[in-house]
Structure formats: structure tokens, C-alpha cells
Protein backbone atom coordinates (compact mmCIF):
# COMPACT_ATOMS: atom_id res chain seq x y z
CA MET A 1 30.05 4.50 17.54
CA GLY A 2 29.17 1.20 15.83
CA GLY A 3 28.32 -0.57 19.10
CA LEU A 4 25.95 2.32 19.93
CA GLN A 5 24.23 1.88 16.57
CA ALA A 6 23.81 -1.89 17.17
CA ASN A 7 22.36 -1.31 20.60
CA LEU A 8 20.12 1.45 19.27
CA ALA A 9 18.75 -0.90 16.56
CA VAL A 10 17.83 -3.49 19.22
CA ALA A 11 16.32 -0.83 21.50
CA VAL A 12 14.19 0.71 18.77
CA GLY A 13 13.01 -2.74 17.70
CA VAL A 14 11.94 -3.55 21.27
CA LEU A 15 10.20 -0.21 21.56
CA LEU A 16 8.40 -0.73 18.19
CA THR A 17 7.26 -4.18 19.27
CA GLY A 18 6.11 -3.12 22.68
CA LEU A 19 4.25 -0.03 21.51
CA SER A 20 2.61 -1.98 18.68
CA LEU A 21 1.39 -4.65 21.09
CA LEU A 22 0.07 -2.06 23.50
CA LEU A 23 -1.79 -0.27 20.74
CA LEU A 24 -3.12 -3.60 19.48
CA VAL A 25 -4.63 -4.31 22.89
CA VAL A 26 -6.08 -0.76 23.05
CA GLY A 27 -7.50 -1.10 19.48
CA LEU A 28 -9.14 -4.44 20.23
CA ALA A 29 -10.63 -3.14 23.47
CA SER A 30 -12.00 -0.13 21.59
CA TYR A 31 -13.40 -2.36 18.85
CA ALA A 32 -15.10 -4.56 21.44
CA ARG A 33 -16.70 -1.44 22.99
CA VAL A 34 -17.95 0.40 19.90
CA ARG A 35 -17.89 -2.26 17.12
CA ASN A 36 -16.43 0.13 14.55
CA GLY A 37 -14.89 -1.88 11.69
CA LYS A 38 -12.12 0.76 11.22
CA LEU A 39 -10.83 -0.10 14.68
CA LEU A 40 -10.54 -3.76 13.74
CA TRP A 41 -8.47 -2.86 10.67
CA VAL A 42 -6.29 -0.56 12.69
CA SER A 43 -5.80 -3.31 15.23
CA LEU A 44 -4.73 -5.68 12.45
CA ALA A 45 -2.24 -3.08 11.25
CA PHE A 46 -0.79 -2.85 14.80
CA LEU A 47 -0.56 -6.65 14.85
CA GLY A 48 1.43 -6.51 11.62
CA PHE A 49 3.73 -3.88 13.04
CA ALA A 50 4.19 -5.96 16.20
CA GLY A 51 5.23 -8.96 14.08
CA GLN A 52 7.55 -6.81 12.02
CA GLY A 53 9.02 -5.29 15.19
CA LEU A 54 9.60 -8.71 16.70
CA PHE A 55 11.33 -9.93 13.50
CA PHE A 56 13.39 -6.73 13.40
CA THR A 57 14.41 -7.06 17.03
CA LEU A 58 15.47 -10.67 16.74
CA ASP A 59 17.39 -9.94 13.52
CA ALA A 60 19.11 -6.90 15.05
CA TYR A 61 20.01 -8.85 18.17
CA ALA A 62 21.43 -11.74 16.20
CA ARG A 63 23.43 -9.38 13.95
CA ARG A 64 24.54 -6.81 16.50
CA GLY A 65 28.23 -7.59 15.93
CA GLU A 66 27.79 -7.10 12.18
CA LEU A 67 25.76 -3.93 12.76
CA ALA A 68 28.50 -2.53 15.02
CA GLU A 69 30.99 -2.81 12.18
CA SER A 70 28.92 -1.25 9.42
CA LEU A 71 26.64 1.66 8.80
CA ASP A 72 23.42 -0.21 8.26
CA ALA A 73 19.96 1.31 7.61
CA MET A 74 18.27 -0.82 10.20
CA PRO A 75 18.04 1.80 13.02
CA VAL A 76 16.63 4.33 10.51
CA LEU A 77 14.07 1.83 9.19
CA ALA A 78 13.01 0.92 12.71
CA ALA A 79 12.59 4.61 13.58
CA VAL A 80 10.52 5.16 10.42
CA ASN A 81 8.29 2.19 11.35
CA LEU A 82 7.91 3.59 14.86
CA ALA A 83 6.87 6.92 13.36
CA ILE A 84 4.28 5.13 11.18
CA VAL A 85 2.87 3.35 14.21
CA ALA A 86 2.56 6.68 16.04
CA ALA A 87 0.91 8.37 13.05
CA LEU A 88 -1.57 5.45 12.67
CA TYR A 89 -2.46 5.81 16.35
CA LEU A 90 -2.93 9.58 16.07
CA ALA A 91 -5.14 9.09 12.99
CA VAL A 92 -7.68 7.10 14.92
CA LEU A 93 -7.38 8.96 18.17
CA LYS A 94 -10.79 10.38 19.08
CA ARG A 95 -10.59 13.81 20.51
């Protein structure tokens, strides 16, 4: 079970980083189109999450042996960050 948790931590980190980068690009493209300052701030938030996701992924990958042997909170924290990114996106989604 521990190996699964370690692999899950890396996978969620990669997902968080990729989704944040994708939403950063979308946010910047939207800002360029409508010049709304809120979109620039949201884009900066996505940039922060992308950096955090990259750090998390590299750390989880480097410590996957240690994560496999212990019940660490890293996968849970990554999932929470992923939920925050999704909520931030939904907050600015124009319907």
C-alpha cells in the first residue's frame, strides 16, 4: 500500500503542476483579450500553484522510498491544492 501512496503523491503533483500551467496560459490569454485586472491576479495565483506543484512533485519523487514506508500527508495536501486550483478556476469562469 505504501508504494501506491508514493506513486499517488507523484501523480497528483504532476497533475497539479500541469493543470496550473494550463490554467495560467488560459488566464493570461483571457487577460490579453479583455484586460481585466482580476484575470491577471488569478493568473499569478495559478503561477504560484504551478511553482508549488513543481516543488511538490520533485520532492515527492525524491522521497518516494520514504513515502512508501510511512503514512505521510503529502498526497492529501496535493489533493487539497488541486481542489483549490479547481475552485479558483470555477470562481472566474464566465458563464
